[in-house]
Amino acid sequence: MKKVGVIGAGPAGMTAAIAAAGKGAEVILFEQKERVGQKILATGNGKCNLANTNLSIDFYHGMHYKFAEKILDRFPLQDTIAFFSQIGIYTKNRNGGLYPNSEQASAVLDCLRMELRRRQIKVRTDSKIISVRLLSPAGFIIKEKSGREEKFDRIILAAGSKAAPKTGSDGSGYKIAKGLGIHIIKPLPALTQLKSEDGWFKGVSGVRCDALLTLCIDGKAAARERGELQIVDYGLSGIPAFQLSGRAARAIDRKCRVEIKIHFLPEFDGMQDPSYLTEFLWKRFDQMEKTCEEALIGLFHKKLTAYFLRASGIRTQEAAKDLTKEQLNRLISVITNCSVTVNAVNSYEHAQTCTGGIDTEELDSNLQVKKIPGFYVAGEIIDIDGACGGYNLQWAWATGQIAGACAAND
């Protein structure tokens, strides 16, 4: 019987421990916080978006992002559903996102904890691991902050990233990996807000609206996302901003110029006849005995209307029918191509995950570090990050299952 040490009791670590024990290994699960699985409780706004029915590789990012495809093919969505069914979670589909039927993240954590007990997995909380030492010819020594040392046949490092450090993801796993000579791609915050020093946000702070965001890096469009945009006093929030944040962070770190172009009428984007929007607004202004401000009621939030007119050099009380085509074109430009300079992304404390981590080039197909036989990794610590919508949890379940089973069997 192999003795497996799992470092980190988040989604990936708990899954790895369960998988290894299921293959007959003796497993000890280490967690530096006082309780396991704290990050699970915050997922899906407390409802735990377990996975997504559309597991396209297009929703994953990383230096070598196609590595994720091989892993997800080995533990697909059907296996995730079956795993949770076996431990007591009945899932339901909400617009492609899979949730526990109870819509309680705590239920997922409870069932994982019960499975840890059923598998007789030893869990050591308040246990911070400071190093892993290789033994010759085989094996490892785990050293805790308390000074306690213990020998293991196999190690699974699932200590998370640097995102949401209050839940235990404080970057300590990277230090352990670096100590073993494993290459780390610089971690940066992802799935977080975009910060800007542009001065117009405070006037429209609190507005939520459907919008199309285009990420531009050094003047070239790099990615687009549509969804509910939330404007805050320091920049942009909401799902589309979150989805672009990892790539924005990486570009900013490279000292590139990063902008977001906002289209506030996204349903008009991509129309074959680009003049349709001009005609639509022209008729709206020309046929109404209203002010310019009044003519935009019903199209935009009042705060946005005020900003659009001000940025276009149009007085709010100017008669709509007196608007010139030059003024209308300026207004359309502000509405459809509003430029925001992104100076930074929000901190790790506000990020859901990280871009960067252990280079996938260091790993074999079983998530074992090629140059360190018996040493496996799983979850967020790997340089693969997913979009909002259950993709990062699916990565955690899949990598945990594969690393756990292979560590016990190899």
Protein backbone atom coordinates (compact mmCIF):
# COMPACT_ATOMS: atom_id res chain seq x y z
CA MET A 1 0.00 0.00 0.00
CA LYS A 2 1.39 3.37 -1.04
CA LYS A 3 1.39 6.29 1.37
CA VAL A 4 0.22 9.46 -0.39
CA GLY A 5 0.49 12.98 1.01
CA VAL A 6 -1.89 15.57 -0.48
CA ILE A 7 -0.98 19.22 0.14
CA GLY A 8 -4.03 21.48 0.04
CA ALA A 9 -7.63 20.56 0.87
CA GLY A 10 -9.46 22.62 -1.71
CA PRO A 11 -11.60 21.14 -4.51
CA ALA A 12 -8.65 19.51 -6.31
CA GLY A 13 -6.92 18.31 -3.14
CA MET A 14 -10.01 16.70 -1.64
CA THR A 15 -10.83 15.02 -4.95
CA ALA A 16 -7.25 13.75 -5.30
CA ALA A 17 -7.31 12.35 -1.77
CA ILE A 18 -10.61 10.56 -2.41
CA ALA A 19 -9.35 9.14 -5.73
CA ALA A 20 -6.08 7.91 -4.22
CA ALA A 21 -7.85 6.28 -1.27
CA GLY A 22 -10.30 4.69 -3.69
CA LYS A 23 -7.34 2.95 -5.33
CA GLY A 24 -6.17 1.54 -2.02
CA ALA A 25 -3.60 4.13 -0.90
CA GLU A 26 -3.11 5.37 2.64
CA VAL A 27 -3.78 9.11 2.36
CA ILE A 28 -3.03 12.07 4.58
CA LEU A 29 -4.57 15.39 3.50
CA PHE A 30 -2.89 18.57 4.72
CA GLU A 31 -4.70 21.93 4.99
CA GLN A 32 -3.18 25.08 6.44
CA LYS A 33 -6.55 26.64 7.32
CA GLU A 34 -8.72 25.51 10.21
CA ARG A 35 -11.27 23.91 7.85
CA VAL A 36 -11.10 22.16 4.49
CA GLY A 37 -12.74 23.41 1.29
CA GLN A 38 -13.32 27.04 2.23
CA LYS A 39 -13.05 28.25 -1.36
CA ILE A 40 -15.92 25.98 -2.43
CA LEU A 41 -18.32 27.96 -0.25
CA ALA A 42 -17.76 31.11 -2.32
CA THR A 43 -18.23 29.52 -5.74
CA GLY A 44 -21.27 30.32 -7.89
CA ASN A 45 -22.35 33.05 -5.45
CA GLY A 46 -22.73 30.42 -2.76
CA LYS A 47 -24.53 27.98 -5.06
CA CYS A 48 -21.45 26.16 -6.42
CA ASN A 49 -21.39 26.07 -10.22
CA LEU A 50 -19.82 22.59 -10.41
CA ALA A 51 -19.15 22.41 -14.13
CA ASN A 52 -20.48 23.41 -17.53
CA THR A 53 -22.11 21.34 -20.26
CA ASN A 54 -20.02 23.12 -22.91
CA LEU A 55 -16.50 22.00 -22.03
CA SER A 56 -14.82 23.46 -25.11
CA ILE A 57 -11.09 24.08 -24.84
CA ASP A 58 -11.90 27.63 -25.97
CA PHE A 59 -12.90 28.41 -22.39
CA TYR A 60 -9.43 27.63 -21.01
CA HIS A 61 -6.24 29.69 -21.05
CA GLY A 62 -2.57 29.09 -20.35
CA MET A 63 0.83 29.23 -22.02
CA HIS A 64 0.14 25.74 -23.40
CA TYR A 65 -3.63 25.72 -22.95
CA LYS A 66 -4.27 22.69 -25.18
CA PHE A 67 -2.80 20.55 -22.41
CA ALA A 68 -6.17 21.03 -20.69
CA GLU A 69 -7.96 19.24 -23.53
CA LYS A 70 -6.10 15.98 -22.88
CA ILE A 71 -6.96 16.09 -19.18
CA LEU A 72 -10.62 16.98 -19.68
CA ASP A 73 -11.00 14.23 -22.27
CA ARG A 74 -9.85 11.72 -19.65
CA PHE A 75 -12.29 12.96 -17.01
CA PRO A 76 -15.21 14.47 -18.95
CA LEU A 77 -18.43 16.00 -17.72
CA GLN A 78 -20.18 12.64 -17.46
CA ASP A 79 -17.53 11.46 -14.99
CA THR A 80 -18.00 14.58 -12.89
CA ILE A 81 -21.76 14.03 -12.74
CA ALA A 82 -21.25 10.36 -11.84
CA PHE A 83 -18.70 11.23 -9.12
CA PHE A 84 -21.01 13.68 -7.42
CA SER A 85 -23.97 11.36 -7.76
CA GLN A 86 -21.96 8.66 -5.97
CA ILE A 87 -21.23 10.95 -3.01
CA GLY A 88 -24.80 12.23 -2.76
CA ILE A 89 -25.06 15.33 -4.98
CA TYR A 90 -27.85 15.39 -7.56
CA THR A 91 -26.99 18.01 -10.19
CA LYS A 92 -29.24 20.23 -12.24
CA ASN A 93 -28.60 22.21 -15.39
CA ARG A 94 -29.16 25.97 -15.37
CA ASN A 95 -28.42 27.41 -18.81
CA GLY A 96 -25.45 25.10 -19.23
CA GLY A 97 -24.09 25.51 -15.71
CA LEU A 98 -24.31 22.50 -13.42
CA TYR A 99 -25.31 23.09 -9.78
CA PRO A 100 -26.29 20.91 -6.84
CA ASN A 101 -30.06 20.58 -6.82
CA SER A 102 -30.12 22.28 -3.41
CA GLU A 103 -28.20 25.25 -4.87
CA GLN A 104 -26.01 25.24 -1.77
CA ALA A 105 -22.23 25.18 -2.04
CA SER A 106 -22.18 23.97 1.55
CA ALA A 107 -23.91 20.75 0.42
CA VAL A 108 -21.06 20.00 -1.98
CA LEU A 109 -18.49 20.59 0.73
CA ASP A 110 -20.44 18.48 3.22
CA CYS A 111 -20.61 15.54 0.81
CA LEU A 112 -16.89 15.77 0.04
CA ARG A 113 -16.08 15.83 3.75
CA MET A 114 -18.31 12.80 4.36
CA GLU A 115 -16.50 10.96 1.57
CA LEU A 116 -13.14 11.81 3.16
CA ARG A 117 -14.38 10.21 6.38
CA ARG A 118 -15.85 7.20 4.59
CA ARG A 119 -12.52 6.59 2.84
CA GLN A 120 -10.75 6.89 6.22
CA ILE A 121 -8.55 9.71 4.94
CA LYS A 122 -6.59 11.43 7.68
CA VAL A 123 -7.10 15.20 7.52
CA ARG A 124 -4.66 17.53 9.22
CA THR A 125 -5.94 21.10 9.43
CA ASP A 126 -3.93 24.10 10.70
CA SER A 127 -0.97 22.36 9.08
CA LYS A 128 1.20 24.57 6.88
CA ILE A 129 3.70 22.70 4.71
CA ILE A 130 6.94 24.63 4.25
CA SER A 131 8.94 22.16 2.17
CA VAL A 132 9.06 18.82 0.40
CA ARG A 133 12.38 16.99 0.27
CA LEU A 134 13.28 14.17 -2.13
CA LEU A 135 14.71 10.95 -0.72
CA SER A 136 17.10 8.61 -2.50
CA PRO A 137 16.35 6.32 -4.21
CA ALA A 138 12.63 7.14 -3.82
CA GLY A 139 10.11 8.84 -1.58
CA PHE A 140 9.62 12.25 -0.04
CA ILE A 141 9.74 14.01 3.32
CA ILE A 142 7.04 16.60 4.04
CA LYS A 143 8.00 19.22 6.61
CA GLU A 144 5.32 21.19 8.48
CA LYS A 145 5.80 24.65 9.94
CA SER A 146 5.58 23.08 13.38
CA GLY A 147 8.79 21.18 12.58
CA ARG A 148 7.07 17.82 12.18
CA GLU A 149 8.39 15.67 9.35
CA GLU A 150 6.83 12.62 7.70
CA LYS A 151 7.78 10.27 4.90
CA PHE A 152 5.57 9.55 1.88
CA ASP A 153 5.81 7.38 -1.22
CA ARG A 154 3.91 9.88 -3.37
CA ILE A 155 3.05 13.58 -3.13
CA ILE A 156 0.16 15.50 -4.74
CA LEU A 157 0.59 19.27 -4.62
CA ALA A 158 -2.85 20.92 -4.80
CA ALA A 159 -2.22 24.07 -2.79
CA GLY A 160 -4.11 26.43 -5.09
CA SER A 161 -2.92 29.71 -6.57
CA LYS A 162 -2.67 33.16 -4.98
CA ALA A 163 -6.31 34.11 -5.58
CA ALA A 164 -8.61 34.63 -2.58
CA PRO A 165 -5.82 34.15 0.01
CA LYS A 166 -8.30 34.22 2.91
CA THR A 167 -9.47 30.78 1.79
CA GLY A 168 -5.92 29.39 1.96
CA SER A 169 -4.61 30.07 -1.55
CA ASP A 170 -1.65 32.19 -0.50
CA GLY A 171 0.93 31.11 -3.08
CA SER A 172 2.75 28.76 -0.70
CA GLY A 173 2.41 25.93 -3.22
CA TYR A 174 4.52 27.86 -5.71
CA LYS A 175 7.33 28.10 -3.14
CA ILE A 176 7.24 24.34 -2.59
CA ALA A 177 7.39 23.74 -6.36
CA LYS A 178 10.22 26.24 -6.86
CA GLY A 179 12.15 24.56 -4.07
CA LEU A 180 12.09 21.38 -6.17
CA GLY A 181 13.24 23.18 -9.32
CA ILE A 182 9.83 23.17 -11.03
CA HIS A 183 9.30 26.01 -13.49
CA ILE A 184 6.57 28.48 -12.56
CA ILE A 185 4.99 30.85 -15.08
CA LYS A 186 4.45 34.12 -13.21
CA PRO A 187 1.02 34.03 -11.53
CA LEU A 188 -1.26 37.03 -12.03
CA PRO A 189 -4.86 37.73 -10.89
CA ALA A 190 -7.65 36.51 -13.19
CA LEU A 191 -11.46 36.59 -13.12
CA THR A 192 -11.40 39.96 -11.42
CA GLN A 193 -12.22 43.63 -12.05
CA LEU A 194 -10.43 45.92 -14.51
CA LYS A 195 -9.06 49.14 -13.01
CA SER A 196 -8.77 52.44 -14.85
CA GLU A 197 -7.73 55.97 -14.02
CA ASP A 198 -10.14 57.44 -16.58
CA GLY A 199 -12.19 60.12 -14.86
CA TRP A 200 -15.77 59.37 -15.95
CA PHE A 201 -16.55 56.27 -13.87
CA LYS A 202 -17.70 57.97 -10.68
CA GLY A 203 -20.55 59.67 -12.54
CA VAL A 204 -21.92 56.35 -13.77
CA SER A 205 -20.87 54.09 -10.90
CA GLY A 206 -23.45 51.47 -10.04
CA VAL A 207 -24.85 51.14 -13.57
CA ARG A 208 -25.40 47.62 -14.92
CA CYS A 209 -26.12 47.04 -18.60
CA ASP A 210 -25.71 44.59 -21.44
CA ALA A 211 -22.51 45.45 -23.31
CA LEU A 212 -19.91 44.06 -25.68
CA LEU A 213 -16.32 44.50 -24.50
CA THR A 214 -13.32 44.24 -26.83
CA LEU A 215 -9.88 43.86 -25.29
CA CYS A 216 -7.26 45.71 -27.31
CA ILE A 217 -3.55 45.14 -26.72
CA ASP A 218 -1.23 47.71 -28.29
CA GLY A 219 -4.10 48.80 -30.51
CA LYS A 220 -5.04 45.33 -31.78
CA ALA A 221 -8.25 43.51 -30.83
CA ALA A 222 -7.34 40.41 -28.79
CA ALA A 223 -10.64 39.12 -27.39
CA ARG A 224 -14.33 40.00 -27.06
CA GLU A 225 -16.91 39.23 -24.39
CA ARG A 226 -20.57 40.15 -24.09
CA GLY A 227 -22.67 40.15 -20.94
CA GLU A 228 -23.83 42.27 -18.03
CA LEU A 229 -21.26 44.99 -17.46
CA GLN A 230 -21.06 46.58 -14.02
CA ILE A 231 -19.49 50.01 -13.86
CA VAL A 232 -17.75 50.80 -10.57
CA ASP A 233 -16.02 53.97 -9.47
CA TYR A 234 -12.56 52.55 -10.26
CA GLY A 235 -13.35 50.78 -13.54
CA LEU A 236 -15.22 47.78 -14.94
CA SER A 237 -16.72 44.71 -13.27
CA GLY A 238 -19.19 42.00 -14.24
CA ILE A 239 -18.77 38.76 -16.17
CA PRO A 240 -17.41 40.21 -19.46
CA ALA A 241 -14.76 42.23 -17.60
CA PHE A 242 -13.85 39.18 -15.50
CA GLN A 243 -13.48 37.01 -18.59
CA LEU A 244 -10.96 39.43 -20.13
CA SER A 245 -9.02 40.17 -16.95
CA GLY A 246 -6.48 37.34 -17.15
CA ARG A 247 -5.32 38.32 -20.63
CA ALA A 248 -5.36 41.98 -19.63
CA ALA A 249 -3.19 41.23 -16.59
CA ARG A 250 -0.67 39.33 -18.71
CA ALA A 251 -0.49 42.19 -21.26
CA ILE A 252 -0.08 44.83 -18.55
CA ASP A 253 2.72 42.76 -17.02
CA ARG A 254 4.45 42.87 -20.42
CA LYS A 255 4.13 46.69 -20.35
CA CYS A 256 1.68 46.66 -23.27
CA ARG A 257 -0.97 49.34 -23.81
CA VAL A 258 -4.30 47.83 -22.77
CA GLU A 259 -7.71 49.26 -23.63
CA ILE A 260 -11.30 48.09 -23.49
CA LYS A 261 -13.68 49.25 -26.22
CA ILE A 262 -17.28 49.17 -24.99
CA HIS A 263 -20.29 48.81 -27.30
CA PHE A 264 -23.35 49.84 -25.29
CA LEU A 265 -25.80 48.63 -27.97
CA PRO A 266 -24.31 45.18 -28.65
CA GLU A 267 -27.36 43.92 -30.51
CA PHE A 268 -26.41 46.32 -33.31
CA ASP A 269 -22.86 44.94 -33.55
CA GLY A 270 -21.98 43.03 -36.68
CA MET A 271 -25.01 44.07 -38.72
CA GLN A 272 -24.50 43.80 -42.45
CA ASP A 273 -25.69 47.38 -42.91
CA PRO A 274 -23.64 49.60 -40.57
CA SER A 275 -25.89 52.56 -41.33
CA TYR A 276 -28.85 50.88 -39.59
CA LEU A 277 -27.89 52.22 -36.15
CA THR A 278 -27.42 55.72 -37.55
CA GLU A 279 -30.86 55.62 -39.17
CA PHE A 280 -32.40 54.15 -36.02
CA LEU A 281 -31.09 56.97 -33.81
CA TRP A 282 -31.69 59.66 -36.44
CA LYS A 283 -35.36 58.75 -36.66
CA ARG A 284 -35.62 58.64 -32.88
CA PHE A 285 -34.22 62.15 -32.56
CA ASP A 286 -35.87 63.66 -35.63
CA GLN A 287 -39.41 62.48 -34.90
CA MET A 288 -39.61 63.45 -31.24
CA GLU A 289 -40.49 66.79 -29.70
CA LYS A 290 -38.05 66.09 -26.91
CA THR A 291 -34.68 67.16 -25.60
CA CYS A 292 -31.67 65.02 -26.43
CA GLU A 293 -31.71 63.66 -22.90
CA GLU A 294 -35.39 62.75 -23.15
CA ALA A 295 -34.91 61.10 -26.56
CA LEU A 296 -32.54 58.55 -25.04
CA ILE A 297 -34.86 57.54 -22.21
CA GLY A 298 -35.71 53.87 -22.62
CA LEU A 299 -32.45 53.13 -24.39
CA PHE A 300 -29.93 53.73 -21.63
CA HIS A 301 -29.64 54.25 -17.90
CA LYS A 302 -30.03 57.94 -17.06
CA LYS A 303 -26.44 58.16 -15.79
CA LEU A 304 -25.14 56.74 -19.08
CA THR A 305 -27.27 59.12 -21.11
CA ALA A 306 -25.76 62.08 -19.29
CA TYR A 307 -22.25 60.78 -19.90
CA PHE A 308 -22.85 59.99 -23.59
CA LEU A 309 -24.18 63.47 -24.31
CA ARG A 310 -21.44 65.20 -22.32
CA ALA A 311 -18.69 63.17 -24.02
CA SER A 312 -20.23 63.99 -27.42
CA GLY A 313 -20.36 67.73 -26.72
CA ILE A 314 -24.17 67.79 -26.78
CA ARG A 315 -26.23 69.73 -24.24
CA THR A 316 -28.78 67.55 -22.45
CA GLN A 317 -31.55 70.14 -22.96
CA GLU A 318 -30.81 70.71 -26.65
CA ALA A 319 -33.79 69.95 -28.86
CA ALA A 320 -33.40 66.46 -30.30
CA LYS A 321 -34.67 67.48 -33.73
CA ASP A 322 -31.97 70.16 -33.99
CA LEU A 323 -29.14 67.64 -33.67
CA THR A 324 -26.73 67.73 -36.62
CA LYS A 325 -25.43 64.62 -38.33
CA GLU A 326 -21.94 65.50 -37.10
CA GLN A 327 -23.21 65.55 -33.52
CA LEU A 328 -25.08 62.29 -34.07
CA ASN A 329 -21.95 60.60 -35.42
CA ARG A 330 -19.98 61.72 -32.36
CA LEU A 331 -22.71 60.32 -30.13
CA ILE A 332 -22.74 56.99 -31.99
CA SER A 333 -18.96 56.76 -31.64
CA VAL A 334 -19.18 57.20 -27.86
CA ILE A 335 -22.01 54.65 -27.58
CA THR A 336 -20.44 51.98 -29.78
CA ASN A 337 -16.71 52.51 -29.28
CA CYS A 338 -16.25 53.89 -25.79
CA SER A 339 -12.55 53.56 -24.97
CA VAL A 340 -11.28 52.74 -21.48
CA THR A 341 -7.58 52.64 -20.64
CA VAL A 342 -6.88 49.71 -18.31
CA ASN A 343 -4.04 50.44 -15.90
CA ALA A 344 -4.32 47.33 -13.73
CA VAL A 345 -6.54 44.45 -12.71
CA ASN A 346 -7.80 44.09 -9.17
CA SER A 347 -5.71 42.36 -6.52
CA TYR A 348 -5.46 38.68 -5.60
CA GLU A 349 -7.85 39.34 -2.72
CA HIS A 350 -10.62 40.06 -5.25
CA ALA A 351 -9.63 37.48 -7.91
CA GLN A 352 -11.40 34.15 -8.36
CA THR A 353 -8.35 32.45 -9.86
CA CYS A 354 -4.93 33.14 -11.37
CA THR A 355 -3.37 33.02 -14.77
CA GLY A 356 0.05 31.37 -14.60
CA GLY A 357 1.39 28.65 -12.32
CA ILE A 358 3.28 25.38 -12.84
CA ASP A 359 4.29 25.14 -16.49
CA THR A 360 2.40 22.28 -18.14
CA GLU A 361 5.58 21.48 -20.07
CA GLU A 362 6.88 20.11 -16.74
CA LEU A 363 4.07 17.53 -16.56
CA ASP A 364 3.33 14.20 -18.16
CA SER A 365 -0.16 13.08 -19.16
CA ASN A 366 -0.81 11.82 -15.61
CA LEU A 367 0.03 15.21 -14.04
CA GLN A 368 3.30 13.84 -12.69
CA VAL A 369 6.31 16.15 -12.80
CA LYS A 370 8.51 14.55 -15.44
CA LYS A 371 11.82 15.06 -13.63
CA ILE A 372 10.45 14.04 -10.19
CA PRO A 373 8.83 10.60 -10.36
CA GLY A 374 6.10 10.25 -7.76
CA PHE A 375 5.40 13.97 -7.46
CA TYR A 376 2.01 15.04 -8.87
CA VAL A 377 0.11 18.32 -9.10
CA ALA A 378 -3.57 19.21 -9.40
CA GLY A 379 -5.92 22.18 -9.63
CA GLU A 380 -5.29 25.92 -9.76
CA ILE A 381 -1.57 25.64 -9.12
CA ILE A 382 -1.16 24.52 -12.75
CA ASP A 383 -0.89 27.12 -15.52
CA ILE A 384 -4.44 26.54 -16.75
CA ASP A 385 -7.30 28.88 -15.90
CA GLY A 386 -10.88 28.71 -17.08
CA ALA A 387 -13.70 31.13 -17.79
CA CYS A 388 -16.51 31.92 -15.37
CA GLY A 389 -19.23 29.29 -15.37
CA GLY A 390 -17.88 26.15 -13.68
CA TYR A 391 -14.80 25.68 -15.84
CA ASN A 392 -12.25 26.07 -13.05
CA LEU A 393 -14.08 23.62 -10.80
CA GLN A 394 -14.27 21.09 -13.63
CA TRP A 395 -10.49 21.48 -13.97
CA ALA A 396 -10.14 20.86 -10.21
CA TRP A 397 -12.27 17.69 -10.26
CA ALA A 398 -10.55 16.32 -13.37
CA THR A 399 -6.96 16.98 -12.28
CA GLY A 400 -7.69 15.77 -8.76
CA GLN A 401 -9.16 12.50 -9.99
CA ILE A 402 -6.34 11.81 -12.44
CA ALA A 403 -3.50 12.79 -10.11
CA GLY A 404 -5.01 10.87 -7.19
CA ALA A 405 -5.63 7.66 -9.11
CA CYS A 406 -2.23 7.72 -10.81
CA ALA A 407 -0.33 8.48 -7.59
CA ALA A 408 -1.90 5.41 -5.98
CA ASN A 409 -1.38 3.16 -8.99
CA ASP A 410 2.00 4.06 -10.52
